PDB file of N, CA and C in Angstrom:
ATOM      1  N   UNK A   1      -1.510  83.794 169.209  1.00  0.00           N
ATOM      2  CA  UNK A   1      -1.833  82.738 168.840  1.00  0.00           C
ATOM      3  C   UNK A   1      -2.027  81.805 170.558  1.00  0.00           C
ATOM      4  N   UNK A   2      -2.695  81.535 170.774  1.00  0.00           N
ATOM      5  CA  UNK A   2      -2.721  80.412 172.343  1.00  0.00           C
ATOM      6  C   UNK A   2      -2.118  79.526 172.368  1.00  0.00           C
ATOM      7  N   UNK A   3      -1.234  79.027 173.269  1.00  0.00           N
ATOM      8  CA  UNK A   3      -0.898  77.905 173.331  1.00  0.00           C
ATOM      9  C   UNK A   3      -1.564  76.662 173.277  1.00  0.00           C
ATOM     10  N   UNK A   4      -1.310  75.254 172.867  1.00  0.00           N
ATOM     11  CA  UNK A   4      -2.535  74.323 172.348  1.00  0.00           C
ATOM     12  C   UNK A   4      -2.814  73.890 174.286  1.00  0.00           C
ATOM     13  N   UNK A   5      -3.690  73.310 174.520  1.00  0.00           N
ATOM     14  CA  UNK A   5      -3.639  72.878 175.784  1.00  0.00           C
ATOM     15  C   UNK A   5      -3.284  71.344 175.646  1.00  0.00           C
ATOM     16  N   UNK A   6      -3.321  70.604 176.723  1.00  0.00           N
ATOM     17  CA  UNK A   6      -2.997  69.202 176.383  1.00  0.00           C
ATOM     18  C   UNK A   6      -4.173  68.231 176.153  1.00  0.00           C
ATOM     19  N   UNK A   7      -3.766  67.208 175.483  1.00  0.00           N
ATOM     20  CA  UNK A   7      -5.310  66.399 174.956  1.00  0.00           C
ATOM     21  C   UNK A   7      -5.625  66.033 176.595  1.00  0.00           C
ATOM     22  N   UNK A   8      -7.100  65.494 176.204  1.00  0.00           N
ATOM     23  CA  UNK A   8      -7.279  64.560 177.242  1.00  0.00           C
ATOM     24  C   UNK A   8      -8.087  63.451 176.863  1.00  0.00           C
ATOM     25  N   UNK A   9      -8.019  62.421 177.003  1.00  0.00           N
ATOM     26  CA  UNK A   9      -8.803  60.800 176.508  1.00  0.00           C
ATOM     27  C   UNK A   9      -9.856  60.688 177.569  1.00  0.00           C
ATOM     28  N   UNK A  10     -11.130  60.631 177.087  1.00  0.00           N
ATOM     29  CA  UNK A  10     -12.069  60.111 178.065  1.00  0.00           C
ATOM     30  C   UNK A  10     -13.026  59.107 176.984  1.00  0.00           C
ATOM     31  N   UNK A  11     -13.385  57.480 177.790  1.00  0.00           N
ATOM     32  CA  UNK A  11     -14.149  56.912 177.329  1.00  0.00           C
ATOM     33  C   UNK A  11     -15.566  56.991 176.516  1.00  0.00           C
ATOM     34  N   UNK A  12     -16.052  56.186 175.749  1.00  0.00           N
ATOM     35  CA  UNK A  12     -17.075  56.714 174.916  1.00  0.00           C
ATOM     36  C   UNK A  12     -18.475  56.810 175.878  1.00  0.00           C
ATOM     37  N   UNK A  13     -18.254  55.990 177.161  1.00  0.00           N
ATOM     38  CA  UNK A  13     -19.360  56.114 178.160  1.00  0.00           C
ATOM     39  C   UNK A  13     -19.172  57.305 178.855  1.00  0.00           C
ATOM     40  N   UNK A  14     -17.958  57.718 179.436  1.00  0.00           N
ATOM     41  CA  UNK A  14     -17.776  59.163 179.845  1.00  0.00           C
ATOM     42  C   UNK A  14     -18.105  60.392 178.832  1.00  0.00           C
ATOM     43  N   UNK A  15     -17.539  60.424 177.902  1.00  0.00           N
ATOM     44  CA  UNK A  15     -18.378  61.338 176.786  1.00  0.00           C
ATOM     45  C   UNK A  15     -19.441  61.224 176.444  1.00  0.00           C
ATOM     46  N   UNK A  16     -20.511  60.519 176.601  1.00  0.00           N
ATOM     47  CA  UNK A  16     -22.146  60.131 176.257  1.00  0.00           C
ATOM     48  C   UNK A  16     -22.260  61.242 177.762  1.00  0.00           C
ATOM     49  N   UNK A  17     -22.139  61.175 178.977  1.00  0.00           N
ATOM     50  CA  UNK A  17     -22.550  61.209 180.290  1.00  0.00           C
ATOM     51  C   UNK A  17     -22.173  62.850 180.534  1.00  0.00           C
ATOM     52  N   UNK A  18     -20.881  63.093 179.563  1.00  0.00           N
ATOM     53  CA  UNK A  18     -20.288  64.385 180.144  1.00  0.00           C
ATOM     54  C   UNK A  18     -20.032  65.147 179.108  1.00  0.00           C
ATOM     55  N   UNK A  19     -20.981  65.395 178.014  1.00  0.00           N
ATOM     56  CA  UNK A  19     -20.708  65.756 176.290  1.00  0.00           C
ATOM     57  C   UNK A  19     -21.080  67.546 176.811  1.00  0.00           C
ATOM     58  N   UNK A  20     -21.708  67.887 177.070  1.00  0.00           N
ATOM     59  CA  UNK A  20     -21.741  69.267 177.534  1.00  0.00           C
ATOM     60  C   UNK A  20     -20.546  70.020 178.101  1.00  0.00           C
ATOM     61  N   UNK A  21     -20.323  69.505 179.039  1.00  0.00           N
ATOM     62  CA  UNK A  21     -18.642  70.077 179.708  1.00  0.00           C
ATOM     63  C   UNK A  21     -17.456  70.013 179.039  1.00  0.00           C
ATOM     64  N   UNK A  22     -17.622  68.699 178.186  1.00  0.00           N
ATOM     65  CA  UNK A  22     -16.240  68.597 177.153  1.00  0.00           C
ATOM     66  C   UNK A  22     -16.821  69.206 176.379  1.00  0.00           C
ATOM     67  N   UNK A  23     -17.725  69.722 175.411  1.00  0.00           N
ATOM     68  CA  UNK A  23     -17.790  70.402 174.412  1.00  0.00           C
ATOM     69  C   UNK A  23     -17.296  72.182 174.776  1.00  0.00           C
ATOM     70  N   UNK A  24     -17.896  72.312 176.320  1.00  0.00           N
ATOM     71  CA  UNK A  24     -17.672  73.645 176.643  1.00  0.00           C
ATOM     72  C   UNK A  24     -15.823  73.720 176.676  1.00  0.00           C
ATOM     73  N   UNK A  25     -15.293  72.361 177.450  1.00  0.00           N
ATOM     74  CA  UNK A  25     -13.475  72.347 177.437  1.00  0.00           C
ATOM     75  C   UNK A  25     -13.175  72.437 175.888  1.00  0.00           C
ATOM     76  N   UNK A  26     -13.609  72.269 175.224  1.00  0.00           N
ATOM     77  CA  UNK A  26     -13.032  71.845 173.788  1.00  0.00           C
ATOM     78  C   UNK A  26     -13.106  73.248 172.997  1.00  0.00           C
ATOM     79  N   UNK A  27     -14.348  74.035 173.563  1.00  0.00           N
ATOM     80  CA  UNK A  27     -14.609  75.387 173.122  1.00  0.00           C
ATOM     81  C   UNK A  27     -13.287  76.164 173.128  1.00  0.00           C
ATOM     82  N   UNK A  28     -12.885  76.386 174.880  1.00  0.00           N
ATOM     83  CA  UNK A  28     -11.917  76.931 175.302  1.00  0.00           C
ATOM     84  C   UNK A  28     -10.190  76.230 174.732  1.00  0.00           C
ATOM     85  N   UNK A  29     -10.403  75.667 173.685  1.00  0.00           N
ATOM     86  CA  UNK A  29      -8.852  75.094 173.657  1.00  0.00           C
ATOM     87  C   UNK A  29      -8.609  73.438 173.370  1.00  0.00           C
ATOM     88  N   UNK A  30      -9.099  73.358 174.181  1.00  0.00           N
ATOM     89  CA  UNK A  30      -8.712  71.241 174.574  1.00  0.00           C
ATOM     90  C   UNK A  30      -9.044  70.764 174.039  1.00  0.00           C
ATOM     91  N   UNK A  31      -8.332  69.935 173.526  1.00  0.00           N
ATOM     92  CA  UNK A  31      -8.863  68.677 172.432  1.00  0.00           C
ATOM     93  C   UNK A  31      -8.615  67.437 173.489  1.00  0.00           C
ATOM     94  N   UNK A  32     -10.276  66.938 173.285  1.00  0.00           N
ATOM     95  CA  UNK A  32     -10.660  66.015 173.753  1.00  0.00           C
ATOM     96  C   UNK A  32     -10.790  64.692 172.564  1.00  0.00           C
ATOM     97  N   UNK A  33     -10.203  63.840 173.009  1.00  0.00           N
ATOM     98  CA  UNK A  33     -10.056  62.314 172.338  1.00  0.00           C
ATOM     99  C   UNK A  33     -11.024  61.585 173.009  1.00  0.00           C
ATOM    100  N   UNK A  34     -11.927  61.157 172.172  1.00  0.00           N
ATOM    101  CA  UNK A  34     -13.104  60.338 172.757  1.00  0.00           C
ATOM    102  C   UNK A  34     -12.355  58.501 172.461  1.00  0.00           C
ATOM    103  N   UNK A  35     -12.371  57.994 173.073  1.00  0.00           N
ATOM    104  CA  UNK A  35     -11.594  56.488 172.953  1.00  0.00           C
ATOM    105  C   UNK A  35     -12.977  55.309 173.069  1.00  0.00           C
ATOM    106  N   UNK A  36     -13.365  54.288 172.537  1.00  0.00           N
ATOM    107  CA  UNK A  36     -13.660  53.361 172.758  1.00  0.00           C
ATOM    108  C   UNK A  36     -13.002  51.789 172.643  1.00  0.00           C
ATOM    109  N   UNK A  37     -12.956  51.376 173.863  1.00  0.00           N
ATOM    110  CA  UNK A  37     -12.277  49.998 174.532  1.00  0.00           C
ATOM    111  C   UNK A  37     -10.726  50.618 174.266  1.00  0.00           C
ATOM    112  N   UNK A  38     -10.673  51.782 174.861  1.00  0.00           N
ATOM    113  CA  UNK A  38      -9.186  52.510 174.792  1.00  0.00           C
ATOM    114  C   UNK A  38      -8.642  52.567 173.476  1.00  0.00           C
ATOM    115  N   UNK A  39      -9.218  52.524 172.526  1.00  0.00           N
ATOM    116  CA  UNK A  39      -8.575  52.892 170.888  1.00  0.00           C
ATOM    117  C   UNK A  39      -9.047  54.060 170.985  1.00  0.00           C
ATOM    118  N   UNK A  40      -8.358  55.137 170.531  1.00  0.00           N
ATOM    119  CA  UNK A  40      -8.864  56.859 170.383  1.00  0.00           C
ATOM    120  C   UNK A  40      -9.605  56.453 168.793  1.00  0.00           C
ATOM    121  N   UNK A  41     -11.267  57.291 168.950  1.00  0.00           N
ATOM    122  CA  UNK A  41     -11.932  56.824 167.797  1.00  0.00           C
ATOM    123  C   UNK A  41     -12.253  58.492 167.298  1.00  0.00           C
ATOM    124  N   UNK A  42     -12.526  59.563 167.896  1.00  0.00           N
ATOM    125  CA  UNK A  42     -12.583  60.988 167.385  1.00  0.00           C
ATOM    126  C   UNK A  42     -12.373  61.988 168.387  1.00  0.00           C
ATOM    127  N   UNK A  43     -11.995  63.210 167.754  1.00  0.00           N
ATOM    128  CA  UNK A  43     -11.616  64.096 168.253  1.00  0.00           C
ATOM    129  C   UNK A  43     -12.834  65.649 168.664  1.00  0.00           C
ATOM    130  N   UNK A  44     -13.003  65.664 169.634  1.00  0.00           N
ATOM    131  CA  UNK A  44     -13.426  67.387 169.960  1.00  0.00           C
ATOM    132  C   UNK A  44     -12.412  68.077 169.952  1.00  0.00           C
ATOM    133  N   UNK A  45     -12.741  69.248 169.017  1.00  0.00           N
ATOM    134  CA  UNK A  45     -11.697  70.318 168.726  1.00  0.00           C
ATOM    135  C   UNK A  45     -12.716  71.830 168.719  1.00  0.00           C
ATOM    136  N   UNK A  46     -12.102  73.049 168.876  1.00  0.00           N
ATOM    137  CA  UNK A  46     -12.820  73.972 169.059  1.00  0.00           C
ATOM    138  C   UNK A  46     -12.878  74.658 167.347  1.00  0.00           C
ATOM    139  N   UNK A  47     -13.671  74.980 167.048  1.00  0.00           N
ATOM    140  CA  UNK A  47     -14.073  75.651 165.875  1.00  0.00           C
ATOM    141  C   UNK A  47     -13.145  77.221 165.798  1.00  0.00           C
ATOM    142  N   UNK A  48     -12.458  76.919 164.493  1.00  0.00           N
ATOM    143  CA  UNK A  48     -12.081  78.313 164.474  1.00  0.00           C
ATOM    144  C   UNK A  48     -12.670  79.434 163.736  1.00  0.00           C
ATOM    145  N   UNK A  49     -12.278  80.785 163.684  1.00  0.00           N
ATOM    146  CA  UNK A  49     -12.798  81.431 163.662  1.00  0.00           C
ATOM    147  C   UNK A  49     -13.484  81.752 162.188  1.00  0.00           C
ATOM    148  N   UNK A  50     -12.704  81.121 161.098  1.00  0.00           N
ATOM    149  CA  UNK A  50     -13.149  81.109 159.686  1.00  0.00           C
ATOM    150  C   UNK A  50     -14.476  80.266 159.565  1.00  0.00           C
ATOM    151  N   UNK A  51     -14.547  78.883 160.636  1.00  0.00           N
ATOM    152  CA  UNK A  51     -15.370  77.881 160.447  1.00  0.00           C
ATOM    153  C   UNK A  51     -16.501  78.713 160.991  1.00  0.00           C
ATOM    154  N   UNK A  52     -16.656  79.504 162.043  1.00  0.00           N
ATOM    155  CA  UNK A  52     -18.053  79.998 163.198  1.00  0.00           C
ATOM    156  C   UNK A  52     -18.007  81.784 161.916  1.00  0.00           C
ATOM    157  N   UNK A  53     -17.345  82.109 160.903  1.00  0.00           N
ATOM    158  CA  UNK A  53     -17.658  83.522 160.367  1.00  0.00           C
ATOM    159  C   UNK A  53     -18.844  82.925 159.569  1.00  0.00           C
ATOM    160  N   UNK A  54     -20.252  84.108 159.348  1.00  0.00           N
ATOM    161  CA  UNK A  54     -21.389  83.687 158.549  1.00  0.00           C
ATOM    162  C   UNK A  54     -20.755  83.765 156.918  1.00  0.00           C
ATOM    163  N   UNK A  55     -21.632  82.868 156.550  1.00  0.00           N
ATOM    164  CA  UNK A  55     -21.570  82.378 154.789  1.00  0.00           C
ATOM    165  C   UNK A  55     -22.266  83.081 154.271  1.00  0.00           C
ATOM    166  N   UNK A  56     -21.390  83.682 153.239  1.00  0.00           N
ATOM    167  CA  UNK A  56     -22.137  84.512 151.925  1.00  0.00           C
ATOM    168  C   UNK A  56     -23.073  83.945 151.331  1.00  0.00           C
ATOM    169  N   UNK A  57     -24.042  85.214 151.823  1.00  0.00           N
ATOM    170  CA  UNK A  57     -25.629  84.337 151.117  1.00  0.00           C
ATOM    171  C   UNK A  57     -25.250  83.997 149.391  1.00  0.00           C
ATOM    172  N   UNK A  58     -25.890  83.122 148.818  1.00  0.00           N
ATOM    173  CA  UNK A  58     -26.056  82.694 147.600  1.00  0.00           C
ATOM    174  C   UNK A  58     -27.121  83.982 146.663  1.00  0.00           C
ATOM    175  N   UNK A  59     -26.391  84.029 145.177  1.00  0.00           N
ATOM    176  CA  UNK A  59     -26.964  85.341 144.486  1.00  0.00           C
ATOM    177  C   UNK A  59     -27.955  84.514 143.939  1.00  0.00           C
ATOM    178  N   UNK A  60     -28.865  85.680 144.144  1.00  0.00           N
ATOM    179  CA  UNK A  60     -30.092  85.255 143.520  1.00  0.00           C
ATOM    180  C   UNK A  60     -29.918  84.914 141.748  1.00  0.00           C
ATOM    181  N   UNK A  61     -31.193  83.672 141.989  1.00  0.00           N
ATOM    182  CA  UNK A  61     -31.119  82.743 141.018  1.00  0.00           C
ATOM    183  C   UNK A  61     -30.142  81.615 140.513  1.00  0.00           C
ATOM    184  N   UNK A  62     -29.057  81.633 141.506  1.00  0.00           N
ATOM    185  CA  UNK A  62     -28.307  80.757 141.381  1.00  0.00           C
ATOM    186  C   UNK A  62     -28.422  79.752 141.843  1.00  0.00           C
ATOM    187  N   UNK A  63     -28.222  78.273 141.934  1.00  0.00           N
ATOM    188  CA  UNK A  63     -28.381  76.936 142.712  1.00  0.00           C
ATOM    189  C   UNK A  63     -26.696  76.866 143.409  1.00  0.00           C
ATOM    190  N   UNK A  64     -27.004  76.293 144.267  1.00  0.00           N
ATOM    191  CA  UNK A  64     -25.919  75.341 145.087  1.00  0.00           C
ATOM    192  C   UNK A  64     -24.553  75.620 144.321  1.00  0.00           C
ATOM    193  N   UNK A  65     -24.334  74.752 142.697  1.00  0.00           N
ATOM    194  CA  UNK A  65     -23.822  74.779 141.877  1.00  0.00           C
ATOM    195  C   UNK A  65     -23.086  76.085 141.044  1.00  0.00           C
ATOM    196  N   UNK A  66     -23.956  76.940 141.329  1.00  0.00           N
ATOM    197  CA  UNK A  66     -23.520  78.537 140.473  1.00  0.00           C
ATOM    198  C   UNK A  66     -24.017  78.380 139.439  1.00  0.00           C
ATOM    199  N   UNK A  67     -25.194  77.316 139.158  1.00  0.00           N
ATOM    200  CA  UNK A  67     -25.583  77.257 137.438  1.00  0.00           C
ATOM    201  C   UNK A  67     -27.071  78.438 137.359  1.00  0.00           C
ATOM    202  N   UNK A  68     -26.977  79.188 136.535  1.00  0.00           N
ATOM    203  CA  UNK A  68     -27.919  80.318 136.094  1.00  0.00           C
ATOM    204  C   UNK A  68     -28.460  79.832 134.974  1.00  0.00           C
ATOM    205  N   UNK A  69     -28.510  78.992 134.274  1.00  0.00           N
ATOM    206  CA  UNK A  69     -29.168  78.886 132.789  1.00  0.00           C
ATOM    207  C   UNK A  69     -30.018  77.819 133.157  1.00  0.00           C
ATOM    208  N   UNK A  70     -31.258  77.925 132.728  1.00  0.00           N
ATOM    209  CA  UNK A  70     -32.527  76.756 132.361  1.00  0.00           C
ATOM    210  C   UNK A  70     -32.538  76.959 130.755  1.00  0.00           C
ATOM    211  N   UNK A  71     -32.505  75.747 129.962  1.00  0.00           N
ATOM    212  CA  UNK A  71     -33.326  76.241 128.633  1.00  0.00           C
ATOM    213  C   UNK A  71     -34.453  76.593 128.372  1.00  0.00           C
ATOM    214  N   UNK A  72     -34.582  77.389 127.760  1.00  0.00           N
ATOM    215  CA  UNK A  72     -36.307  77.163 127.054  1.00  0.00           C
ATOM    216  C   UNK A  72     -37.036  76.252 127.020  1.00  0.00           C
ATOM    217  N   UNK A  73     -36.457  75.336 126.104  1.00  0.00           N
ATOM    218  CA  UNK A  73     -37.464  74.204 126.172  1.00  0.00           C
ATOM    219  C   UNK A  73     -37.017  73.211 127.306  1.00  0.00           C
ATOM    220  N   UNK A  74     -36.678  73.663 128.957  1.00  0.00           N
ATOM    221  CA  UNK A  74     -36.529  72.745 129.747  1.00  0.00           C
ATOM    222  C   UNK A  74     -37.778  72.073 129.907  1.00  0.00           C
ATOM    223  N   UNK A  75     -39.076  72.397 130.433  1.00  0.00           N
ATOM    224  CA  UNK A  75     -40.421  71.508 130.136  1.00  0.00           C
ATOM    225  C   UNK A  75     -40.778  70.895 129.428  1.00  0.00           C
ATOM    226  N   UNK A  76     -40.325  71.448 128.345  1.00  0.00           N
ATOM    227  CA  UNK A  76     -41.171  70.802 126.780  1.00  0.00           C
ATOM    228  C   UNK A  76     -41.329  69.579 126.950  1.00  0.00           C
ATOM    229  N   UNK A  77     -42.589  68.639 126.214  1.00  0.00           N
ATOM    230  CA  UNK A  77     -42.517  67.075 126.230  1.00  0.00           C
ATOM    231  C   UNK A  77     -41.561  66.556 125.964  1.00  0.00           C
ATOM    232  N   UNK A  78     -40.809  65.466 126.238  1.00  0.00           N
ATOM    233  CA  UNK A  78     -39.498  64.717 125.707  1.00  0.00           C
ATOM    234  C   UNK A  78     -40.028  63.980 124.713  1.00  0.00           C
ATOM    235  N   UNK A  79     -38.874  63.640 123.702  1.00  0.00           N
ATOM    236  CA  UNK A  79     -39.144  63.064 122.053  1.00  0.00           C
ATOM    237  C   UNK A  79     -39.808  61.673 122.148  1.00  0.00           C
ATOM    238  N   UNK A  80     -40.368  60.883 121.628  1.00  0.00           N
ATOM    239  CA  UNK A  80     -40.744  59.726 121.682  1.00  0.00           C
ATOM    240  C   UNK A  80     -39.999  58.632 122.015  1.00  0.00           C
ATOM    241  N   UNK A  81     -38.731  58.889 121.386  1.00  0.00           N
ATOM    242  CA  UNK A  81     -37.903  57.580 121.968  1.00  0.00           C
ATOM    243  C   UNK A  81     -37.165  57.764 122.717  1.00  0.00           C
ATOM    244  N   UNK A  82     -37.020  58.923 123.845  1.00  0.00           N
ATOM    245  CA  UNK A  82     -36.866  59.254 124.879  1.00  0.00           C
ATOM    246  C   UNK A  82     -37.701  58.722 126.263  1.00  0.00           C
ATOM    247  N   UNK A  83     -39.130  58.823 125.563  1.00  0.00           N
ATOM    248  CA  UNK A  83     -40.033  58.316 126.401  1.00  0.00           C
ATOM    249  C   UNK A  83     -40.481  56.831 126.629  1.00  0.00           C
ATOM    250  N   UNK A  84     -39.904  56.146 124.784  1.00  0.00           N
ATOM    251  CA  UNK A  84     -39.716  54.607 125.011  1.00  0.00           C
ATOM    252  C   UNK A  84     -38.812  53.688 125.716  1.00  0.00           C
ATOM    253  N   UNK A  85     -37.686  55.059 125.571  1.00  0.00           N
ATOM    254  CA  UNK A  85     -36.422  54.322 126.731  1.00  0.00           C
ATOM    255  C   UNK A  85     -36.649  54.287 128.033  1.00  0.00           C
ATOM    256  N   UNK A  86     -37.798  55.046 128.448  1.00  0.00           N
ATOM    257  CA  UNK A  86     -37.991  54.657 129.929  1.00  0.00           C
ATOM    258  C   UNK A  86     -39.316  54.048 130.267  1.00  0.00           C
ATOM    259  N   UNK A  87     -39.752  53.532 129.053  1.00  0.00           N
ATOM    260  CA  UNK A  87     -40.989  52.441 128.836  1.00  0.00           C
ATOM    261  C   UNK A  87     -41.849  53.488 129.303  1.00  0.00           C
ATOM    262  N   UNK A  88     -42.276  54.420 128.841  1.00  0.00           N
ATOM    263  CA  UNK A  88     -43.224  55.293 128.622  1.00  0.00           C
ATOM    264  C   UNK A  88     -44.316  55.514 127.371  1.00  0.00           C
TER     265      UNK A  88
END
């Protein structure tokens, strides 16, 4: 594991002006702290190998929650009392 590079603090204006070079420095391992009026507000950090790894594809037929079941009557008309509750 590489030793961590020293933190660098830049003001917001400088960060906006030099964002591209700051991102390059962070990608090389430097931690960049962005401050507003001298108060640290955010950090630029390099992404970890885990964060950069491709995400596995979802299984066919699954949504993001992993739900694979849809009731047979999913698209059936709603009962009259439910329609009334919705003012229909």
